[in-house]
C-alpha atoms as a PDB file:
ATOM      1  CA  MET A   1     -19.076 -25.229 -22.563  1.00  0.00           C
ATOM      2  CA  PHE A   2     -22.521 -23.812 -23.155  1.00  0.00           C
ATOM      3  CA  THR A   3     -24.401 -26.591 -22.295  1.00  0.00           C
ATOM      4  CA  TYR A   4     -22.643 -27.031 -19.423  1.00  0.00           C
ATOM      5  CA  ILE A   5     -23.359 -23.443 -18.387  1.00  0.00           C
ATOM      6  CA  LYS A   6     -26.872 -23.608 -19.547  1.00  0.00           C
ATOM      7  CA  GLU A   7     -27.274 -26.972 -17.609  1.00  0.00           C
ATOM      8  CA  SER A   8     -25.869 -25.188 -14.347  1.00  0.00           C
ATOM      9  CA  PHE A   9     -28.268 -22.123 -14.483  1.00  0.00           C
ATOM     10  CA  GLU A  10     -31.179 -24.951 -14.905  1.00  0.00           C
ATOM     11  CA  GLU A  11     -30.147 -27.037 -11.984  1.00  0.00           C
ATOM     12  CA  LEU A  12     -29.774 -23.708  -9.726  1.00  0.00           C
ATOM     13  CA  LYS A  13     -33.402 -22.811 -10.933  1.00  0.00           C
ATOM     14  CA  ASN A  14     -35.227 -25.792 -10.348  1.00  0.00           C
ATOM     15  CA  ASN A  15     -32.913 -28.117  -8.031  1.00  0.00           C
ATOM     16  CA  VAL A  16     -31.412 -25.773  -5.679  1.00  0.00           C
ATOM     17  CA  THR A  17     -33.540 -24.756  -2.487  1.00  0.00           C
ATOM     18  CA  TRP A  18     -33.169 -21.935  -1.323  1.00  0.00           C
ATOM     19  CA  LEU A  19     -33.469 -19.861   2.132  1.00  0.00           C
ATOM     20  CA  ASN A  20     -35.868 -17.291   3.046  1.00  0.00           C
ATOM     21  CA  ARG A  21     -34.224 -13.559   2.906  1.00  0.00           C
ATOM     22  CA  GLU A  22     -34.742 -13.425   6.821  1.00  0.00           C
ATOM     23  CA  LYS A  23     -32.979 -17.040   7.324  1.00  0.00           C
ATOM     24  CA  ALA A  24     -30.612 -15.582   4.875  1.00  0.00           C
ATOM     25  CA  SER A  25     -29.667 -12.558   6.771  1.00  0.00           C
ATOM     26  CA  ASN A  26     -29.389 -14.139  10.094  1.00  0.00           C
ATOM     27  CA  LEU A  27     -26.910 -16.334   8.935  1.00  0.00           C
ATOM     28  CA  MET A  28     -24.795 -13.698   7.277  1.00  0.00           C
ATOM     29  CA  VAL A  29     -24.764 -11.846  10.553  1.00  0.00           C
ATOM     30  CA  VAL A  30     -23.770 -15.127  12.511  1.00  0.00           C
ATOM     31  CA  VAL A  31     -20.919 -15.599   9.941  1.00  0.00           C
ATOM     32  CA  ALA A  32     -19.933 -12.084  10.106  1.00  0.00           C
ATOM     33  CA  VAL A  33     -19.665 -11.904  13.964  1.00  0.00           C
ATOM     34  CA  PHE A  34     -17.707 -15.406  14.186  1.00  0.00           C
ATOM     35  CA  SER A  35     -14.995 -13.920  11.283  1.00  0.00           C
ATOM     36  CA  ILE A  36     -14.613 -10.687  13.159  1.00  0.00           C
ATOM     37  CA  LEU A  37     -13.672 -12.383  16.611  1.00  0.00           C
ATOM     38  CA  PHE A  38     -11.808 -15.171  14.969  1.00  0.00           C
ATOM     39  CA  ALA A  39      -9.902 -12.300  13.057  1.00  0.00           C
ATOM     40  CA  LEU A  40      -9.270 -10.702  16.952  1.00  0.00           C
ATOM     41  CA  ALA A  41      -8.540 -13.540  18.092  1.00  0.00           C
ATOM     42  CA  THR A  42      -5.579 -14.395  15.209  1.00  0.00           C
ATOM     43  CA  TRP A  43      -4.473 -11.134  15.662  1.00  0.00           C
ATOM     44  CA  GLY A  44      -3.932 -11.343  19.827  1.00  0.00           C
ATOM     45  CA  VAL A  45      -2.208 -14.841  19.156  1.00  0.00           C
ATOM     46  CA  ASP A  46      -0.089 -12.943  16.385  1.00  0.00           C
ATOM     47  CA  MET A  47       0.691 -10.226  18.774  1.00  0.00           C
ATOM     48  CA  PHE A  48       1.319 -12.832  21.722  1.00  0.00           C
ATOM     49  CA  PHE A  49       4.018 -14.645  19.764  1.00  0.00           C
ATOM     50  CA  ALA A  50       5.702 -11.438  18.382  1.00  0.00           C
ATOM     51  CA  ASP A  51       6.241 -10.331  21.856  1.00  0.00           C
ATOM     52  CA  ALA A  52       7.462 -13.707  22.742  1.00  0.00           C
ATOM     53  CA  ILE A  53       9.925 -13.645  19.830  1.00  0.00           C
ATOM     54  CA  GLN A  54      11.118 -10.510  20.399  1.00  0.00           C
ATOM     55  CA  GLY A  55      11.719 -11.536  24.275  1.00  0.00           C
ATOM     56  CA  LYS A  56       9.012  -9.122  25.537  1.00  0.00           C
ATOM     57  CA  LEU A  57       7.142 -11.335  27.612  1.00  0.00           C
ATOM     58  CA  PHE A  58       9.648 -12.015  29.770  1.00  0.00           C
ATOM     59  CA  ASP A  59      10.715  -8.733  30.600  1.00  0.00           C
ATOM     60  CA  GLY A  60       9.286  -6.805  33.429  1.00  0.00           C
ATOM     61  CA  SER A  61       9.603  -3.130  31.878  1.00  0.00           C
ATOM     62  CA  THR A  62       6.804  -4.144  29.006  1.00  0.00           C
ATOM     63  CA  TYR A  63       4.267  -5.326  31.775  1.00  0.00           C
ATOM     64  CA  ALA A  64       4.678  -1.641  33.219  1.00  0.00           C
ATOM     65  CA  GLU A  65       4.014  -0.417  29.993  1.00  0.00           C
ATOM     66  CA  TYR A  66       0.872  -2.468  29.338  1.00  0.00           C
ATOM     67  CA  GLY A  67      -0.826  -1.507  33.005  1.00  0.00           C
ATOM     68  CA  LYS A  68      -0.927   2.242  32.440  1.00  0.00           C
ATOM     69  CA  SER A  69      -3.282   2.107  29.339  1.00  0.00           C
ATOM     70  CA  PHE A  70      -6.687   0.070  29.220  1.00  0.00           C
ATOM     71  CA  GLY A  71      -5.320  -1.125  25.884  1.00  0.00           C
ATOM     72  CA  GLY A  72      -2.631  -2.780  27.613  1.00  0.00           C
ATOM     73  CA  ILE A  73      -4.375  -4.090  30.261  1.00  0.00           C
ATOM     74  CA  VAL A  74      -6.928  -5.815  27.333  1.00  0.00           C
ATOM     75  CA  ARG A  75      -3.522  -7.037  25.836  1.00  0.00           C
ATOM     76  CA  LEU A  76      -2.082  -8.885  29.090  1.00  0.00           C
ATOM     77  CA  VAL A  77      -5.682 -10.540  29.709  1.00  0.00           C
ATOM     78  CA  TRP A  78      -5.407 -11.663  26.376  1.00  0.00           C
ATOM     79  CA  TYR A  79      -2.025 -12.998  26.892  1.00  0.00           C
ATOM     80  CA  LEU A  80      -3.092 -14.705  30.063  1.00  0.00           C
ATOM     81  CA  VAL A  81      -5.522 -16.136  28.178  1.00  0.00           C
ATOM     82  CA  VAL A  82      -3.462 -17.408  25.359  1.00  0.00           C
ATOM     83  CA  ALA A  83      -0.806 -18.943  27.759  1.00  0.00           C
ATOM     84  CA  VAL A  84      -3.374 -20.895  29.375  1.00  0.00           C
ATOM     85  CA  ALA A  85      -4.888 -22.205  26.613  1.00  0.00           C
ATOM     86  CA  ILE A  86      -1.631 -23.168  25.373  1.00  0.00           C
ATOM     87  CA  PHE A  87      -0.612 -24.854  28.568  1.00  0.00           C
ATOM     88  CA  PHE A  88      -4.058 -26.861  28.606  1.00  0.00           C
ATOM     89  CA  GLY A  89      -3.470 -27.556  24.923  1.00  0.00           C
ATOM     90  CA  ALA A  90       0.038 -29.072  25.784  1.00  0.00           C
ATOM     91  CA  SER A  91      -1.057 -30.945  28.764  1.00  0.00           C
ATOM     92  CA  SER A  92      -4.023 -32.919  26.994  1.00  0.00           C
ATOM     93  CA  PHE A  93      -1.737 -33.453  24.223  1.00  0.00           C
ATOM     94  CA  PHE A  94       0.946 -34.863  26.160  1.00  0.00           C
ATOM     95  CA  ASN A  95      -1.519 -37.359  28.596  1.00  0.00           C
ATOM     96  CA  SER A  96      -3.515 -38.237  26.074  1.00  0.00           C
ATOM     97  CA  LYS A  97      -3.745 -41.901  25.452  1.00  0.00           C
ATOM     98  CA  LYS A  98      -2.365 -43.484  22.512  1.00  0.00           C
END
């Protein structure tokens, strides 16, 4: 076990090419931004399906409530984006040649 740990540290020290600090920082920012965007997209899809399961997507009063605030308008736009994505995804799935 100790030999394995010793050889692992030697491998890291002698055979691994490390990025410089500037490039590593830039890549860290890219990863952080995409992680945040992916988390927001996942949250939005979750809201969409939660409202679909609760039956709010087909209730007109729900949209009247959403239209009263900026957050509600953003939610409506997001629902439209998700619905279009689901439509195009499903249509490409069913129209694909096998």
